[in-house]
């Protein structure tokens, strides 16, 4: 099992999860984070830290798409080991659904 970042992270990009990860398996895109599935040790400490429930175990139904996205972009985006500042307008996106189709960006984030 591994944990995955899903749709709810897009445009919110809250980073409480990054600070608690003991193996630094988060990678940063322009408007979301992903978890490298091969680096995640399945400890689960990141899941309760996400205030928008954007981190889920890969065992939940219908997560094949998110496993693919997390795997692909963890290989392309910079590793992030210290949380940054979320976007100024992140609050207005916290309850929105269907964000992947509307807002997902393949661009890498700033990393650190």
PDB file of N, CA and C in Angstrom:
ATOM      1  N   UNK A   1       0.839  -1.185   0.000  1.00  0.00           N
ATOM      2  CA  UNK A   1       0.000   0.000   0.000  1.00  0.00           C
ATOM      3  C   UNK A   1       0.881   1.244   0.000  1.00  0.00           C
ATOM      4  N   UNK A   2       0.386   2.274  -0.612  1.00  0.00           N
ATOM      5  CA  UNK A   2       1.022   3.586  -0.575  1.00  0.00           C
ATOM      6  C   UNK A   2      -0.078   4.632  -0.416  1.00  0.00           C
ATOM      7  N   UNK A   3       0.310   5.829  -0.171  1.00  0.00           N
ATOM      8  CA  UNK A   3      -0.652   6.927  -0.108  1.00  0.00           C
ATOM      9  C   UNK A   3      -0.536   7.747  -1.374  1.00  0.00           C
ATOM     10  N   UNK A   4      -1.634   8.378  -1.756  1.00  0.00           N
ATOM     11  CA  UNK A   4      -1.696   9.149  -2.991  1.00  0.00           C
ATOM     12  C   UNK A   4      -2.306  10.513  -2.723  1.00  0.00           C
ATOM     13  N   UNK A   5      -1.888  11.491  -3.489  1.00  0.00           N
ATOM     14  CA  UNK A   5      -2.521  12.803  -3.459  1.00  0.00           C
ATOM     15  C   UNK A   5      -3.541  12.821  -4.595  1.00  0.00           C
ATOM     16  N   UNK A   6      -4.743  13.286  -4.289  1.00  0.00           N
ATOM     17  CA  UNK A   6      -5.830  13.264  -5.267  1.00  0.00           C
ATOM     18  C   UNK A   6      -6.334  14.683  -5.563  1.00  0.00           C
ATOM     19  N   UNK A   7      -7.364  14.745  -6.366  1.00  0.00           N
ATOM     20  CA  UNK A   7      -7.988  15.957  -6.899  1.00  0.00           C
ATOM     21  C   UNK A   7      -8.124  17.109  -5.895  1.00  0.00           C
ATOM     22  N   UNK A   8      -8.451  16.815  -4.663  1.00  0.00           N
ATOM     23  CA  UNK A   8      -8.716  17.870  -3.671  1.00  0.00           C
ATOM     24  C   UNK A   8      -7.515  18.783  -3.438  1.00  0.00           C
ATOM     25  N   UNK A   9      -6.312  18.328  -3.745  1.00  0.00           N
ATOM     26  CA  UNK A   9      -5.109  19.141  -3.543  1.00  0.00           C
ATOM     27  C   UNK A   9      -4.975  20.254  -4.578  1.00  0.00           C
ATOM     28  N   UNK A  10      -5.502  20.034  -5.745  1.00  0.00           N
ATOM     29  CA  UNK A  10      -5.311  20.983  -6.845  1.00  0.00           C
ATOM     30  C   UNK A  10      -5.869  22.358  -6.480  1.00  0.00           C
ATOM     31  N   UNK A  11      -5.045  23.359  -6.675  1.00  0.00           N
ATOM     32  CA  UNK A  11      -5.335  24.765  -6.394  1.00  0.00           C
ATOM     33  C   UNK A  11      -5.395  25.080  -4.897  1.00  0.00           C
ATOM     34  N   UNK A  12      -5.321  24.077  -4.031  1.00  0.00           N
ATOM     35  CA  UNK A  12      -5.245  24.316  -2.589  1.00  0.00           C
ATOM     36  C   UNK A  12      -3.778  24.263  -2.173  1.00  0.00           C
ATOM     37  N   UNK A  13      -3.164  23.124  -2.499  1.00  0.00           N
ATOM     38  CA  UNK A  13      -1.734  22.901  -2.257  1.00  0.00           C
ATOM     39  C   UNK A  13      -1.322  23.307  -0.833  1.00  0.00           C
ATOM     40  N   UNK A  14      -2.097  22.857   0.122  1.00  0.00           N
ATOM     41  CA  UNK A  14      -1.750  23.059   1.525  1.00  0.00           C
ATOM     42  C   UNK A  14      -0.630  22.061   1.837  1.00  0.00           C
ATOM     43  N   UNK A  15       0.344  22.426   2.610  1.00  0.00           N
ATOM     44  CA  UNK A  15       1.549  21.610   2.706  1.00  0.00           C
ATOM     45  C   UNK A  15       1.862  21.067   4.091  1.00  0.00           C
ATOM     46  N   UNK A  16       0.875  20.965   4.944  1.00  0.00           N
ATOM     47  CA  UNK A  16       1.106  20.418   6.275  1.00  0.00           C
ATOM     48  C   UNK A  16       1.686  19.011   6.187  1.00  0.00           C
ATOM     49  N   UNK A  17       1.295  18.277   5.168  1.00  0.00           N
ATOM     50  CA  UNK A  17       1.735  16.899   4.958  1.00  0.00           C
ATOM     51  C   UNK A  17       3.245  16.797   4.747  1.00  0.00           C
ATOM     52  N   UNK A  18       3.814  17.766   4.081  1.00  0.00           N
ATOM     53  CA  UNK A  18       5.241  17.746   3.748  1.00  0.00           C
ATOM     54  C   UNK A  18       6.092  17.743   5.015  1.00  0.00           C
ATOM     55  N   UNK A  19       5.701  18.542   5.987  1.00  0.00           N
ATOM     56  CA  UNK A  19       6.485  18.680   7.216  1.00  0.00           C
ATOM     57  C   UNK A  19       6.518  17.415   8.064  1.00  0.00           C
ATOM     58  N   UNK A  20       5.510  16.566   7.957  1.00  0.00           N
ATOM     59  CA  UNK A  20       5.470  15.369   8.797  1.00  0.00           C
ATOM     60  C   UNK A  20       6.011  14.119   8.104  1.00  0.00           C
ATOM     61  N   UNK A  21       6.259  14.187   6.821  1.00  0.00           N
ATOM     62  CA  UNK A  21       6.708  13.011   6.072  1.00  0.00           C
ATOM     63  C   UNK A  21       8.134  12.624   6.480  1.00  0.00           C
ATOM     64  N   UNK A  22       8.325  11.412   7.012  1.00  0.00           N
ATOM     65  CA  UNK A  22       9.662  11.016   7.478  1.00  0.00           C
ATOM     66  C   UNK A  22      10.621  10.617   6.354  1.00  0.00           C
ATOM     67  N   UNK A  23      10.107  10.424   5.138  1.00  0.00           N
ATOM     68  CA  UNK A  23      10.975   9.993   4.037  1.00  0.00           C
ATOM     69  C   UNK A  23      11.007  10.980   2.870  1.00  0.00           C
ATOM     70  N   UNK A  24      10.417  12.139   3.024  1.00  0.00           N
ATOM     71  CA  UNK A  24      10.469  13.186   1.998  1.00  0.00           C
ATOM     72  C   UNK A  24      10.035  12.686   0.627  1.00  0.00           C
ATOM     73  N   UNK A  25       8.853  12.094   0.558  1.00  0.00           N
ATOM     74  CA  UNK A  25       8.380  11.518  -0.709  1.00  0.00           C
ATOM     75  C   UNK A  25       7.373  12.393  -1.436  1.00  0.00           C
ATOM     76  N   UNK A  26       7.289  13.682  -1.076  1.00  0.00           N
ATOM     77  CA  UNK A  26       6.389  14.605  -1.764  1.00  0.00           C
ATOM     78  C   UNK A  26       7.136  15.350  -2.865  1.00  0.00           C
ATOM     79  N   UNK A  27       6.423  15.580  -3.959  1.00  0.00           N
ATOM     80  CA  UNK A  27       6.959  16.298  -5.106  1.00  0.00           C
ATOM     81  C   UNK A  27       5.977  17.389  -5.470  1.00  0.00           C
ATOM     82  N   UNK A  28       6.519  18.528  -5.921  1.00  0.00           N
ATOM     83  CA  UNK A  28       5.690  19.713  -6.087  1.00  0.00           C
ATOM     84  C   UNK A  28       5.476  20.108  -7.542  1.00  0.00           C
ATOM     85  N   UNK A  29       4.206  20.216  -7.901  1.00  0.00           N
ATOM     86  CA  UNK A  29       3.820  20.774  -9.183  1.00  0.00           C
ATOM     87  C   UNK A  29       3.387  22.211  -8.993  1.00  0.00           C
ATOM     88  N   UNK A  30       3.068  22.847 -10.078  1.00  0.00           N
ATOM     89  CA  UNK A  30       2.659  24.244 -10.021  1.00  0.00           C
ATOM     90  C   UNK A  30       1.454  24.452  -9.103  1.00  0.00           C
ATOM     91  N   UNK A  31       0.468  23.522  -9.154  1.00  0.00           N
ATOM     92  CA  UNK A  31      -0.717  23.755  -8.331  1.00  0.00           C
ATOM     93  C   UNK A  31      -1.180  22.541  -7.527  1.00  0.00           C
ATOM     94  N   UNK A  32      -0.300  21.559  -7.337  1.00  0.00           N
ATOM     95  CA  UNK A  32      -0.611  20.438  -6.443  1.00  0.00           C
ATOM     96  C   UNK A  32       0.666  19.714  -6.067  1.00  0.00           C
ATOM     97  N   UNK A  33       0.554  18.823  -5.111  1.00  0.00           N
ATOM     98  CA  UNK A  33       1.650  17.952  -4.710  1.00  0.00           C
ATOM     99  C   UNK A  33       1.310  16.528  -5.132  1.00  0.00           C
ATOM    100  N   UNK A  34       2.323  15.672  -5.236  1.00  0.00           N
ATOM    101  CA  UNK A  34       2.117  14.241  -5.443  1.00  0.00           C
ATOM    102  C   UNK A  34       3.066  13.492  -4.509  1.00  0.00           C
ATOM    103  N   UNK A  35       2.758  12.225  -4.286  1.00  0.00           N
ATOM    104  CA  UNK A  35       3.596  11.340  -3.478  1.00  0.00           C
ATOM    105  C   UNK A  35       4.233  10.325  -4.412  1.00  0.00           C
ATOM    106  N   UNK A  36       5.533  10.111  -4.242  1.00  0.00           N
ATOM    107  CA  UNK A  36       6.221   9.081  -5.033  1.00  0.00           C
ATOM    108  C   UNK A  36       5.872   7.726  -4.406  1.00  0.00           C
ATOM    109  N   UNK A  37       5.083   6.905  -5.089  1.00  0.00           N
ATOM    110  CA  UNK A  37       4.622   5.644  -4.504  1.00  0.00           C
ATOM    111  C   UNK A  37       5.740   4.683  -4.112  1.00  0.00           C
ATOM    112  N   UNK A  38       6.862   4.709  -4.823  1.00  0.00           N
ATOM    113  CA  UNK A  38       7.966   3.809  -4.486  1.00  0.00           C
ATOM    114  C   UNK A  38       8.777   4.293  -3.297  1.00  0.00           C
ATOM    115  N   UNK A  39       8.624   5.542  -2.915  1.00  0.00           N
ATOM    116  CA  UNK A  39       9.348   6.096  -1.769  1.00  0.00           C
ATOM    117  C   UNK A  39       8.507   6.114  -0.506  1.00  0.00           C
ATOM    118  N   UNK A  40       7.199   6.144  -0.654  1.00  0.00           N
ATOM    119  CA  UNK A  40       6.280   6.183   0.481  1.00  0.00           C
ATOM    120  C   UNK A  40       6.432   4.891   1.292  1.00  0.00           C
ATOM    121  N   UNK A  41       6.559   5.035   2.608  1.00  0.00           N
ATOM    122  CA  UNK A  41       6.713   3.856   3.475  1.00  0.00           C
ATOM    123  C   UNK A  41       5.387   3.469   4.137  1.00  0.00           C
ATOM    124  N   UNK A  42       4.306   4.037   3.672  1.00  0.00           N
ATOM    125  CA  UNK A  42       2.968   3.677   4.137  1.00  0.00           C
ATOM    126  C   UNK A  42       2.742   3.943   5.614  1.00  0.00           C
ATOM    127  N   UNK A  43       3.412   4.933   6.155  1.00  0.00           N
ATOM    128  CA  UNK A  43       3.253   5.209   7.584  1.00  0.00           C
ATOM    129  C   UNK A  43       1.925   5.903   7.887  1.00  0.00           C
ATOM    130  N   UNK A  44       1.403   6.653   6.924  1.00  0.00           N
ATOM    131  CA  UNK A  44       0.110   7.289   7.087  1.00  0.00           C
ATOM    132  C   UNK A  44       0.087   8.576   7.883  1.00  0.00           C
ATOM    133  N   UNK A  45       1.235   9.092   8.301  1.00  0.00           N
ATOM    134  CA  UNK A  45       1.209  10.314   9.109  1.00  0.00           C
ATOM    135  C   UNK A  45       0.757  11.532   8.325  1.00  0.00           C
ATOM    136  N   UNK A  46       0.884  11.493   7.015  1.00  0.00           N
ATOM    137  CA  UNK A  46       0.486  12.634   6.191  1.00  0.00           C
ATOM    138  C   UNK A  46      -1.033  12.751   6.044  1.00  0.00           C
ATOM    139  N   UNK A  47      -1.710  11.624   6.023  1.00  0.00           N
ATOM    140  CA  UNK A  47      -3.151  11.611   5.736  1.00  0.00           C
ATOM    141  C   UNK A  47      -3.959  12.514   6.676  1.00  0.00           C
ATOM    142  N   UNK A  48      -3.813  12.402   7.988  1.00  0.00           N
ATOM    143  CA  UNK A  48      -4.625  13.260   8.868  1.00  0.00           C
ATOM    144  C   UNK A  48      -4.188  14.729   8.874  1.00  0.00           C
ATOM    145  N   UNK A  49      -3.006  15.012   8.348  1.00  0.00           N
ATOM    146  CA  UNK A  49      -2.514  16.391   8.320  1.00  0.00           C
ATOM    147  C   UNK A  49      -3.171  17.228   7.235  1.00  0.00           C
ATOM    148  N   UNK A  50      -3.760  16.584   6.242  1.00  0.00           N
ATOM    149  CA  UNK A  50      -4.361  17.314   5.125  1.00  0.00           C
ATOM    150  C   UNK A  50      -5.769  17.776   5.497  1.00  0.00           C
ATOM    151  N   UNK A  51      -5.971  19.084   5.605  1.00  0.00           N
ATOM    152  CA  UNK A  51      -7.286  19.584   6.017  1.00  0.00           C
ATOM    153  C   UNK A  51      -8.379  19.437   4.955  1.00  0.00           C
ATOM    154  N   UNK A  52      -7.996  19.090   3.709  1.00  0.00           N
ATOM    155  CA  UNK A  52      -9.005  18.937   2.653  1.00  0.00           C
ATOM    156  C   UNK A  52      -9.141  17.484   2.194  1.00  0.00           C
ATOM    157  N   UNK A  53      -8.584  16.568   2.955  1.00  0.00           N
ATOM    158  CA  UNK A  53      -8.673  15.130   2.662  1.00  0.00           C
ATOM    159  C   UNK A  53      -8.181  14.775   1.257  1.00  0.00           C
ATOM    160  N   UNK A  54      -7.053  15.364   0.877  1.00  0.00           N
ATOM    161  CA  UNK A  54      -6.494  15.123  -0.458  1.00  0.00           C
ATOM    162  C   UNK A  54      -5.501  13.965  -0.476  1.00  0.00           C
ATOM    163  N   UNK A  55      -5.274  13.329   0.660  1.00  0.00           N
ATOM    164  CA  UNK A  55      -4.348  12.196   0.725  1.00  0.00           C
ATOM    165  C   UNK A  55      -5.140  10.960   1.119  1.00  0.00           C
ATOM    166  N   UNK A  56      -5.026   9.934   0.288  1.00  0.00           N
ATOM    167  CA  UNK A  56      -5.792   8.710   0.503  1.00  0.00           C
ATOM    168  C   UNK A  56      -4.905   7.490   0.292  1.00  0.00           C
ATOM    169  N   UNK A  57      -5.240   6.362   0.922  1.00  0.00           N
ATOM    170  CA  UNK A  57      -4.491   5.132   0.637  1.00  0.00           C
ATOM    171  C   UNK A  57      -4.844   4.619  -0.754  1.00  0.00           C
ATOM    172  N   UNK A  58      -3.898   3.972  -1.399  1.00  0.00           N
ATOM    173  CA  UNK A  58      -4.164   3.470  -2.755  1.00  0.00           C
ATOM    174  C   UNK A  58      -5.139   2.307  -2.776  1.00  0.00           C
ATOM    175  N   UNK A  59      -5.538   1.839  -1.626  1.00  0.00           N
ATOM    176  CA  UNK A  59      -6.478   0.723  -1.550  1.00  0.00           C
ATOM    177  C   UNK A  59      -7.926   1.166  -1.728  1.00  0.00           C
ATOM    178  N   UNK A  60      -8.185   2.470  -1.683  1.00  0.00           N
ATOM    179  CA  UNK A  60      -9.552   2.949  -1.891  1.00  0.00           C
ATOM    180  C   UNK A  60      -9.952   2.722  -3.340  1.00  0.00           C
ATOM    181  N   UNK A  61     -11.236   2.495  -3.563  1.00  0.00           N
ATOM    182  CA  UNK A  61     -11.755   2.253  -4.914  1.00  0.00           C
ATOM    183  C   UNK A  61     -11.423   3.401  -5.854  1.00  0.00           C
ATOM    184  N   UNK A  62     -11.187   3.059  -7.102  1.00  0.00           N
ATOM    185  CA  UNK A  62     -11.020   4.026  -8.187  1.00  0.00           C
ATOM    186  C   UNK A  62      -9.796   4.924  -8.037  1.00  0.00           C
ATOM    187  N   UNK A  63      -8.721   4.411  -7.479  1.00  0.00           N
ATOM    188  CA  UNK A  63      -7.517   5.218  -7.346  1.00  0.00           C
ATOM    189  C   UNK A  63      -6.451   4.900  -8.385  1.00  0.00           C
ATOM    190  N   UNK A  64      -6.764   4.073  -9.376  1.00  0.00           N
ATOM    191  CA  UNK A  64      -5.800   3.750 -10.420  1.00  0.00           C
ATOM    192  C   UNK A  64      -5.318   4.981 -11.164  1.00  0.00           C
ATOM    193  N   UNK A  65      -6.242   5.886 -11.461  1.00  0.00           N
ATOM    194  CA  UNK A  65      -5.884   7.139 -12.130  1.00  0.00           C
ATOM    195  C   UNK A  65      -4.890   7.927 -11.290  1.00  0.00           C
ATOM    196  N   UNK A  66      -5.132   7.984  -9.982  1.00  0.00           N
ATOM    197  CA  UNK A  66      -4.270   8.785  -9.111  1.00  0.00           C
ATOM    198  C   UNK A  66      -2.923   8.120  -8.861  1.00  0.00           C
ATOM    199  N   UNK A  67      -2.886   6.810  -8.869  1.00  0.00           N
ATOM    200  CA  UNK A  67      -1.602   6.114  -8.767  1.00  0.00           C
ATOM    201  C   UNK A  67      -0.741   6.454  -9.987  1.00  0.00           C
ATOM    202  N   UNK A  68      -1.343   6.453 -11.156  1.00  0.00           N
ATOM    203  CA  UNK A  68      -0.626   6.800 -12.382  1.00  0.00           C
ATOM    204  C   UNK A  68      -0.132   8.243 -12.340  1.00  0.00           C
ATOM    205  N   UNK A  69      -0.990   9.163 -11.927  1.00  0.00           N
ATOM    206  CA  UNK A  69      -0.619  10.587 -11.870  1.00  0.00           C
ATOM    207  C   UNK A  69       0.489  10.814 -10.852  1.00  0.00           C
ATOM    208  N   UNK A  70       0.354  10.242  -9.655  1.00  0.00           N
ATOM    209  CA  UNK A  70       1.381  10.421  -8.635  1.00  0.00           C
ATOM    210  C   UNK A  70       2.714   9.853  -9.102  1.00  0.00           C
ATOM    211  N   UNK A  71       2.695   8.680  -9.707  1.00  0.00           N
ATOM    212  CA  UNK A  71       3.923   8.044 -10.190  1.00  0.00           C
ATOM    213  C   UNK A  71       4.572   8.885 -11.290  1.00  0.00           C
ATOM    214  N   UNK A  72       3.792   9.284 -12.263  1.00  0.00           N
ATOM    215  CA  UNK A  72       4.331  10.048 -13.400  1.00  0.00           C
ATOM    216  C   UNK A  72       4.936  11.380 -12.983  1.00  0.00           C
ATOM    217  N   UNK A  73       4.211  12.143 -12.170  1.00  0.00           N
ATOM    218  CA  UNK A  73       4.690  13.480 -11.849  1.00  0.00           C
ATOM    219  C   UNK A  73       5.729  13.507 -10.735  1.00  0.00           C
ATOM    220  N   UNK A  74       5.779  12.493  -9.907  1.00  0.00           N
ATOM    221  CA  UNK A  74       6.870  12.408  -8.928  1.00  0.00           C
ATOM    222  C   UNK A  74       8.200  12.230  -9.647  1.00  0.00           C
ATOM    223  N   UNK A  75       8.167  11.633 -10.821  1.00  0.00           N
ATOM    224  CA  UNK A  75       9.391  11.454 -11.615  1.00  0.00           C
ATOM    225  C   UNK A  75       9.786  12.738 -12.355  1.00  0.00           C
ATOM    226  N   UNK A  76       8.864  13.680 -12.496  1.00  0.00           N
ATOM    227  CA  UNK A  76       9.122  14.897 -13.275  1.00  0.00           C
ATOM    228  C   UNK A  76       9.305  16.151 -12.428  1.00  0.00           C
ATOM    229  N   UNK A  77       8.621  16.206 -11.288  1.00  0.00           N
ATOM    230  CA  UNK A  77       8.600  17.418 -10.484  1.00  0.00           C
ATOM    231  C   UNK A  77       9.679  17.386  -9.410  1.00  0.00           C
ATOM    232  N   UNK A  78      10.064  18.561  -8.880  1.00  0.00           N
ATOM    233  CA  UNK A  78      11.091  18.600  -7.830  1.00  0.00           C
ATOM    234  C   UNK A  78      10.566  18.084  -6.488  1.00  0.00           C
ATOM    235  N   UNK A  79      11.454  17.448  -5.767  1.00  0.00           N
ATOM    236  CA  UNK A  79      11.159  16.973  -4.419  1.00  0.00           C
ATOM    237  C   UNK A  79      10.992  18.184  -3.512  1.00  0.00           C
ATOM    238  N   UNK A  80      10.058  18.085  -2.584  1.00  0.00           N
ATOM    239  CA  UNK A  80       9.841  19.169  -1.618  1.00  0.00           C
ATOM    240  C   UNK A  80       9.954  18.573  -0.223  1.00  0.00           C
ATOM    241  N   UNK A  81      10.787  19.178   0.606  1.00  0.00           N
ATOM    242  CA  UNK A  81      11.020  18.630   1.945  1.00  0.00           C
ATOM    243  C   UNK A  81      10.604  19.584   3.061  1.00  0.00           C
ATOM    244  N   UNK A  82      10.299  20.822   2.709  1.00  0.00           N
ATOM    245  CA  UNK A  82       9.846  21.808   3.680  1.00  0.00           C
ATOM    246  C   UNK A  82       8.618  22.488   3.084  1.00  0.00           C
ATOM    247  N   UNK A  83       7.597  22.646   3.888  1.00  0.00           N
ATOM    248  CA  UNK A  83       6.368  23.254   3.367  1.00  0.00           C
ATOM    249  C   UNK A  83       6.606  24.699   2.964  1.00  0.00           C
ATOM    250  N   UNK A  84       5.841  25.107   1.979  1.00  0.00           N
ATOM    251  CA  UNK A  84       5.874  26.487   1.525  1.00  0.00           C
ATOM    252  C   UNK A  84       4.539  27.137   1.827  1.00  0.00           C
ATOM    253  N   UNK A  85       4.310  28.242   1.220  1.00  0.00           N
ATOM    254  CA  UNK A  85       3.068  28.970   1.417  1.00  0.00           C
ATOM    255  C   UNK A  85       2.053  28.538   0.367  1.00  0.00           C
ATOM    256  N   UNK A  86       0.859  28.169   0.789  1.00  0.00           N
ATOM    257  CA  UNK A  86      -0.170  27.807  -0.205  1.00  0.00           C
ATOM    258  C   UNK A  86      -0.567  29.038  -1.017  1.00  0.00           C
ATOM    259  N   UNK A  87      -1.194  28.827  -2.157  1.00  0.00           N
ATOM    260  CA  UNK A  87      -1.651  29.971  -2.953  1.00  0.00           C
ATOM    261  C   UNK A  87      -2.580  30.867  -2.134  1.00  0.00           C
ATOM    262  N   UNK A  88      -2.520  32.157  -2.412  1.00  0.00           N
ATOM    263  CA  UNK A  88      -3.338  33.122  -1.665  1.00  0.00           C
ATOM    264  C   UNK A  88      -4.827  32.838  -1.762  1.00  0.00           C
ATOM    265  N   UNK A  89      -5.265  32.300  -2.893  1.00  0.00           N
ATOM    266  CA  UNK A  89      -6.692  32.061  -3.101  1.00  0.00           C
ATOM    267  C   UNK A  89      -7.099  30.603  -2.846  1.00  0.00           C
ATOM    268  N   UNK A  90      -6.272  29.849  -2.142  1.00  0.00           N
ATOM    269  CA  UNK A  90      -6.521  28.416  -1.952  1.00  0.00           C
ATOM    270  C   UNK A  90      -7.846  28.121  -1.262  1.00  0.00           C
ATOM    271  N   UNK A  91      -8.265  28.984  -0.352  1.00  0.00           N
ATOM    272  CA  UNK A  91      -9.511  28.732   0.394  1.00  0.00           C
ATOM    273  C   UNK A  91     -10.730  28.608  -0.506  1.00  0.00           C
ATOM    274  N   UNK A  92     -10.756  29.338  -1.595  1.00  0.00           N
ATOM    275  CA  UNK A  92     -11.947  29.294  -2.452  1.00  0.00           C
ATOM    276  C   UNK A  92     -12.049  27.987  -3.243  1.00  0.00           C
ATOM    277  N   UNK A  93     -10.992  27.164  -3.228  1.00  0.00           N
ATOM    278  CA  UNK A  93     -10.997  25.899  -3.956  1.00  0.00           C
ATOM    279  C   UNK A  93     -11.141  24.669  -3.055  1.00  0.00           C
ATOM    280  N   UNK A  94     -11.199  24.852  -1.746  1.00  0.00           N
ATOM    281  CA  UNK A  94     -11.151  23.711  -0.829  1.00  0.00           C
ATOM    282  C   UNK A  94     -12.323  22.756  -0.952  1.00  0.00           C
ATOM    283  N   UNK A  95     -13.471  23.210  -1.353  1.00  0.00           N
ATOM    284  CA  UNK A  95     -14.628  22.313  -1.460  1.00  0.00           C
ATOM    285  C   UNK A  95     -15.035  22.022  -2.904  1.00  0.00           C
ATOM    286  N   UNK A  96     -14.332  22.600  -3.845  1.00  0.00           N
ATOM    287  CA  UNK A  96     -14.662  22.376  -5.257  1.00  0.00           C
ATOM    288  C   UNK A  96     -14.299  20.954  -5.673  1.00  0.00           C
ATOM    289  N   UNK A  97     -15.092  20.353  -6.530  1.00  0.00           N
ATOM    290  CA  UNK A  97     -14.806  19.017  -7.052  1.00  0.00           C
ATOM    291  C   UNK A  97     -14.507  19.117  -8.544  1.00  0.00           C
ATOM    292  N   UNK A  98     -13.978  18.045  -9.113  1.00  0.00           N
ATOM    293  CA  UNK A  98     -13.664  18.030 -10.534  1.00  0.00           C
ATOM    294  C   UNK A  98     -12.547  18.969 -10.927  1.00  0.00           C
ATOM    295  N   UNK A  99     -11.615  19.191 -10.015  1.00  0.00           N
ATOM    296  CA  UNK A  99     -10.559  20.165 -10.261  1.00  0.00           C
ATOM    297  C   UNK A  99      -9.508  19.681 -11.263  1.00  0.00           C
ATOM    298  N   UNK A 100      -9.306  18.376 -11.365  1.00  0.00           N
ATOM    299  CA  UNK A 100      -8.279  17.886 -12.287  1.00  0.00           C
ATOM    300  C   UNK A 100      -8.576  18.332 -13.717  1.00  0.00           C
ATOM    301  N   UNK A 101      -9.771  18.130 -14.158  1.00  0.00           N
ATOM    302  CA  UNK A 101     -10.139  18.495 -15.525  1.00  0.00           C
ATOM    303  C   UNK A 101     -10.104  20.009 -15.750  1.00  0.00           C
ATOM    304  N   UNK A 102     -10.363  20.777 -14.714  1.00  0.00           N
ATOM    305  CA  UNK A 102     -10.414  22.236 -14.845  1.00  0.00           C
ATOM    306  C   UNK A 102      -9.051  22.916 -14.697  1.00  0.00           C
ATOM    307  N   UNK A 103      -8.234  22.423 -13.753  1.00  0.00           N
ATOM    308  CA  UNK A 103      -7.076  23.214 -13.345  1.00  0.00           C
ATOM    309  C   UNK A 103      -5.715  22.521 -13.362  1.00  0.00           C
ATOM    310  N   UNK A 104      -5.653  21.230 -13.495  1.00  0.00           N
ATOM    311  CA  UNK A 104      -4.368  20.535 -13.350  1.00  0.00           C
ATOM    312  C   UNK A 104      -3.313  21.135 -14.272  1.00  0.00           C
ATOM    313  N   UNK A 105      -2.124  21.336 -13.729  1.00  0.00           N
ATOM    314  CA  UNK A 105      -0.992  21.837 -14.506  1.00  0.00           C
ATOM    315  C   UNK A 105       0.151  20.841 -14.443  1.00  0.00           C
ATOM    316  N   UNK A 106       0.740  20.542 -15.573  1.00  0.00           N
ATOM    317  CA  UNK A 106       1.890  19.658 -15.637  1.00  0.00           C
ATOM    318  C   UNK A 106       3.192  20.353 -15.263  1.00  0.00           C
ATOM    319  N   UNK A 107       3.149  21.672 -15.119  1.00  0.00           N
ATOM    320  CA  UNK A 107       4.357  22.434 -14.814  1.00  0.00           C
ATOM    321  C   UNK A 107       4.876  22.071 -13.424  1.00  0.00           C
ATOM    322  N   UNK A 108       6.190  22.033 -13.272  1.00  0.00           N
ATOM    323  CA  UNK A 108       6.763  21.772 -11.948  1.00  0.00           C
ATOM    324  C   UNK A 108       6.602  22.974 -11.027  1.00  0.00           C
ATOM    325  N   UNK A 109       6.672  22.687  -9.749  1.00  0.00           N
ATOM    326  CA  UNK A 109       6.634  23.761  -8.748  1.00  0.00           C
ATOM    327  C   UNK A 109       8.038  24.275  -8.495  1.00  0.00           C
ATOM    328  N   UNK A 110       8.184  25.037  -7.446  1.00  0.00           N
ATOM    329  CA  UNK A 110       9.466  25.654  -7.110  1.00  0.00           C
ATOM    330  C   UNK A 110      10.445  24.689  -6.462  1.00  0.00           C
ATOM    331  N   UNK A 111       9.899  23.637  -5.767  1.00  0.00           N
ATOM    332  CA  UNK A 111      10.788  22.733  -5.038  1.00  0.00           C
ATOM    333  C   UNK A 111      11.510  23.482  -3.938  1.00  0.00           C
ATOM    334  N   UNK A 112      12.415  22.784  -3.281  1.00  0.00           N
ATOM    335  CA  UNK A 112      13.251  23.465  -2.273  1.00  0.00           C
ATOM    336  C   UNK A 112      14.433  22.632  -1.911  1.00  0.00           C
TER     337      UNK A 112
END
